[in-house]
Amino acid sequence: MVRPKKHLGQHFLKDESIAKAIADTLNLQGYDDVLEIGPGMGVLTKYLLEKPINTYVIEIDTESVTYLDENYPKLKDKIISKDFLKYNINEVFEGKQFAII
């Protein structure tokens, strides 16, 4: 269990129906990749991983990164342990079209 950290401004999505509804908004047209910012404990992530796309996550909290790594093997090599606000996303996507959630 990962606890939200106030100094990181974390608020974890817990409602499964909302997470699924958000994932279902992806139209999957014009892109093969999605980047989830701040996945926390992966409530939304698990629904993204069900989609026929490449799911990447970016998370600054090392505790959340460890949790995601241990609980979502499909994210192997797709967890970016960085601060999104300071990260150059071209390091991963190199000009390709992708969705951000």
Protein backbone atom coordinates (compact mmCIF):
# COMPACT_ATOMS: atom_id res chain seq x y z
CA MET A 1 0.00 0.00 0.00
CA VAL A 2 1.36 3.40 -1.00
CA ARG A 3 0.27 6.43 0.99
CA PRO A 4 -0.21 9.80 -0.73
CA LYS A 5 2.51 12.32 0.05
CA LYS A 6 1.34 15.88 0.57
CA HIS A 7 4.69 17.37 -0.42
CA LEU A 8 4.23 15.78 -3.86
CA GLY A 9 0.61 16.94 -4.11
CA GLN A 10 -0.56 13.36 -4.50
CA HIS A 11 -4.23 12.40 -4.66
CA PHE A 12 -4.89 8.78 -5.58
CA LEU A 13 -7.79 7.74 -7.77
CA LYS A 14 -9.60 4.94 -5.98
CA ASP A 15 -12.94 4.61 -7.79
CA GLU A 16 -12.71 1.68 -10.21
CA SER A 17 -15.69 2.77 -12.30
CA ILE A 18 -14.18 6.22 -12.87
CA ALA A 19 -10.81 4.69 -13.76
CA LYS A 20 -12.44 2.39 -16.31
CA ALA A 21 -14.48 5.27 -17.76
CA ILE A 22 -11.33 7.37 -18.19
CA ALA A 23 -9.53 4.50 -19.95
CA ASP A 24 -12.54 3.99 -22.20
CA THR A 25 -12.30 7.59 -23.44
CA LEU A 26 -9.22 6.69 -25.49
CA ASN A 27 -10.20 6.53 -29.15
CA LEU A 28 -7.00 4.65 -30.12
CA GLN A 29 -6.82 6.44 -33.47
CA GLY A 30 -3.55 7.94 -34.70
CA TYR A 31 -1.38 6.67 -31.86
CA ASP A 32 -0.07 3.42 -30.41
CA ASP A 33 1.30 4.81 -27.14
CA VAL A 34 -0.16 6.38 -24.03
CA LEU A 35 1.64 8.09 -21.16
CA GLU A 36 -0.03 8.12 -17.76
CA ILE A 37 1.27 10.86 -15.50
CA GLY A 38 1.44 10.01 -11.80
CA PRO A 39 -0.15 6.55 -11.75
CA GLY A 40 0.22 6.14 -7.98
CA MET A 41 -0.99 2.60 -7.23
CA GLY A 42 -2.15 1.90 -10.78
CA VAL A 43 -5.94 2.03 -10.44
CA LEU A 44 -6.21 3.59 -13.91
CA THR A 45 -3.09 1.83 -15.19
CA LYS A 46 -4.67 -1.63 -15.04
CA TYR A 47 -7.45 -0.51 -17.41
CA LEU A 48 -4.94 1.10 -19.77
CA LEU A 49 -2.97 -2.14 -19.88
CA GLU A 50 -6.09 -3.93 -21.16
CA LYS A 51 -6.12 -1.71 -24.26
CA PRO A 52 -4.28 -2.62 -27.49
CA ILE A 53 -1.69 0.15 -26.93
CA ASN A 54 1.74 0.57 -25.37
CA THR A 55 1.24 2.03 -21.90
CA TYR A 56 4.02 4.03 -20.28
CA VAL A 57 3.84 5.67 -16.87
CA ILE A 58 5.87 8.48 -15.35
CA GLU A 59 6.04 8.67 -11.57
CA ILE A 60 8.25 10.76 -9.29
CA ASP A 61 7.46 8.84 -6.08
CA THR A 62 9.94 5.96 -5.67
CA GLU A 63 7.52 4.10 -3.38
CA SER A 64 4.89 4.13 -6.15
CA VAL A 65 7.50 3.08 -8.72
CA THR A 66 8.41 0.06 -6.60
CA TYR A 67 4.71 -0.82 -6.14
CA LEU A 68 4.02 -0.55 -9.89
CA ASP A 69 7.10 -2.59 -10.75
CA GLU A 70 6.06 -5.36 -8.36
CA ASN A 71 2.35 -5.43 -9.27
CA TYR A 72 2.25 -4.65 -13.00
CA PRO A 73 4.73 -6.87 -14.88
CA LYS A 74 3.35 -5.58 -18.21
CA LEU A 75 4.98 -2.24 -17.37
CA LYS A 76 8.46 -3.81 -17.52
CA ASP A 77 10.79 -1.15 -19.01
CA LYS A 78 7.86 1.29 -19.36
CA ILE A 79 8.03 2.93 -15.94
CA ILE A 80 9.76 6.29 -16.08
CA SER A 81 10.93 7.21 -12.57
CA LYS A 82 11.24 10.97 -13.12
CA ASP A 83 9.54 14.31 -12.48
CA PHE A 84 7.22 14.86 -15.45
CA LEU A 85 7.70 18.63 -15.24
CA LYS A 86 11.45 18.23 -15.75
CA TYR A 87 11.46 15.30 -18.17
CA ASN A 88 12.02 15.47 -21.93
CA ILE A 89 9.35 13.08 -23.23
CA ASN A 90 11.13 12.87 -26.57
CA GLU A 91 13.55 10.53 -24.82
CA VAL A 92 10.80 7.90 -25.04
CA PHE A 93 8.49 9.01 -27.83
CA GLU A 94 10.95 10.66 -30.25
CA GLY A 95 8.31 12.72 -32.06
CA LYS A 96 5.70 9.92 -32.28
CA GLN A 97 2.04 10.65 -31.62
CA PHE A 98 0.83 9.54 -28.19
CA ALA A 99 -1.96 10.20 -25.72
CA ILE A 100 -1.39 11.67 -22.27
CA ILE A 101 -3.61 10.74 -19.34
